[in-house]
Protein backbone atom coordinates (compact mmCIF):
# COMPACT_ATOMS: atom_id res chain seq x y z
CA MET A 1 117.34 104.79 123.91
CA THR A 2 117.64 101.08 123.03
CA SER A 3 117.65 99.78 119.54
CA THR A 4 116.42 96.22 118.39
CA THR A 5 118.22 94.72 115.41
CA ARG A 6 116.81 91.68 113.73
CA PRO A 7 118.59 89.86 111.33
CA LEU A 8 117.81 89.90 107.44
CA THR A 9 116.11 87.01 106.47
CA ASP A 10 117.48 85.28 103.01
CA ASP A 11 114.21 86.73 101.24
CA THR A 12 114.69 90.26 102.19
CA VAL A 13 118.53 89.89 101.12
CA VAL A 14 117.27 88.68 97.50
CA ARG A 15 114.55 91.53 97.21
CA LEU A 16 117.04 94.12 98.26
CA LEU A 17 119.39 93.09 95.64
CA LEU A 18 116.88 92.67 92.83
CA ASP A 19 117.44 94.48 89.51
CA THR A 20 114.92 96.95 89.37
CA ASP A 21 115.14 97.81 85.42
CA PRO A 22 112.47 98.27 83.95
CA TYR A 23 111.16 100.30 86.68
CA LEU A 24 107.51 100.59 87.48
CA SER A 25 106.18 102.66 90.63
CA CYS A 26 103.72 101.68 93.09
CA ASP A 27 101.09 103.99 91.71
CA ASP A 28 101.57 102.64 88.29
CA CYS A 29 101.44 99.28 89.34
CA PHE A 30 98.09 99.73 91.45
CA ALA A 31 96.70 101.55 88.40
CA GLN A 32 97.59 98.40 85.86
CA LEU A 33 97.18 95.89 88.38
CA ASP A 34 93.69 94.72 87.30
CA GLN A 35 94.28 94.73 83.65
CA TYR A 36 97.34 92.65 84.17
CA VAL A 37 95.47 90.20 86.57
CA GLU A 38 92.70 89.77 84.11
CA ARG A 39 95.14 89.17 81.22
CA ARG A 40 96.99 86.59 83.19
CA VAL A 41 94.09 84.56 84.09
CA ARG A 42 93.00 84.77 80.20
CA GLU A 43 96.54 83.86 79.05
CA PRO A 44 98.40 82.15 81.55
CA GLY A 45 101.84 82.55 80.12
CA TYR A 46 101.31 86.26 79.77
CA GLU A 47 104.09 88.41 81.36
CA GLU A 48 104.55 92.26 81.56
CA PRO A 49 108.46 92.64 82.32
CA ARG A 50 107.60 96.21 84.33
CA MET A 51 104.93 94.36 86.15
CA ARG A 52 106.79 91.22 86.97
CA THR A 53 109.88 92.97 88.21
CA HIS A 54 108.08 95.35 90.48
CA LEU A 55 105.90 92.51 92.13
CA ASP A 56 108.88 90.56 92.74
CA GLY A 57 110.31 93.40 94.91
CA CYS A 58 107.35 94.75 96.13
CA GLY A 59 105.55 92.67 98.70
CA ALA A 60 102.54 95.27 99.25
CA CYS A 61 101.76 95.06 95.54
CA ALA A 62 102.49 91.42 95.18
CA GLU A 63 99.86 90.85 97.93
CA GLU A 64 97.26 93.05 96.27
CA ALA A 65 97.95 90.97 92.78
CA GLU A 66 97.47 87.94 94.87
CA THR A 67 94.45 88.86 96.53
CA LEU A 68 92.89 90.36 93.26
CA LEU A 69 93.65 87.22 91.56
CA SER A 70 91.99 84.69 94.19
CA LEU A 71 89.14 87.19 93.71
CA VAL A 72 88.86 86.69 89.89
CA LEU A 73 89.52 82.94 90.22
CA ASP A 74 86.96 82.10 93.16
CA PRO A 75 84.62 85.24 93.57
CA PRO A 76 82.70 85.53 96.55
CA ARG A 77 79.10 84.32 96.54
């Protein structure tokens, strides 16, 4: 068996070391994502600490948030 080891990027190290308090699961994040994005559009300065912490550390949920935000800001025609 061979092992391929890739070095960690600086971004990966930062994400691994992020403080995850206050905690929000991916399921909870996904359930609240539409309301969070809609409020961020209405109130650009709005932040929800649990959501921000989760999105900073979870690439999958952050990608969902970015996709939803782009759809809200520029809906398909």
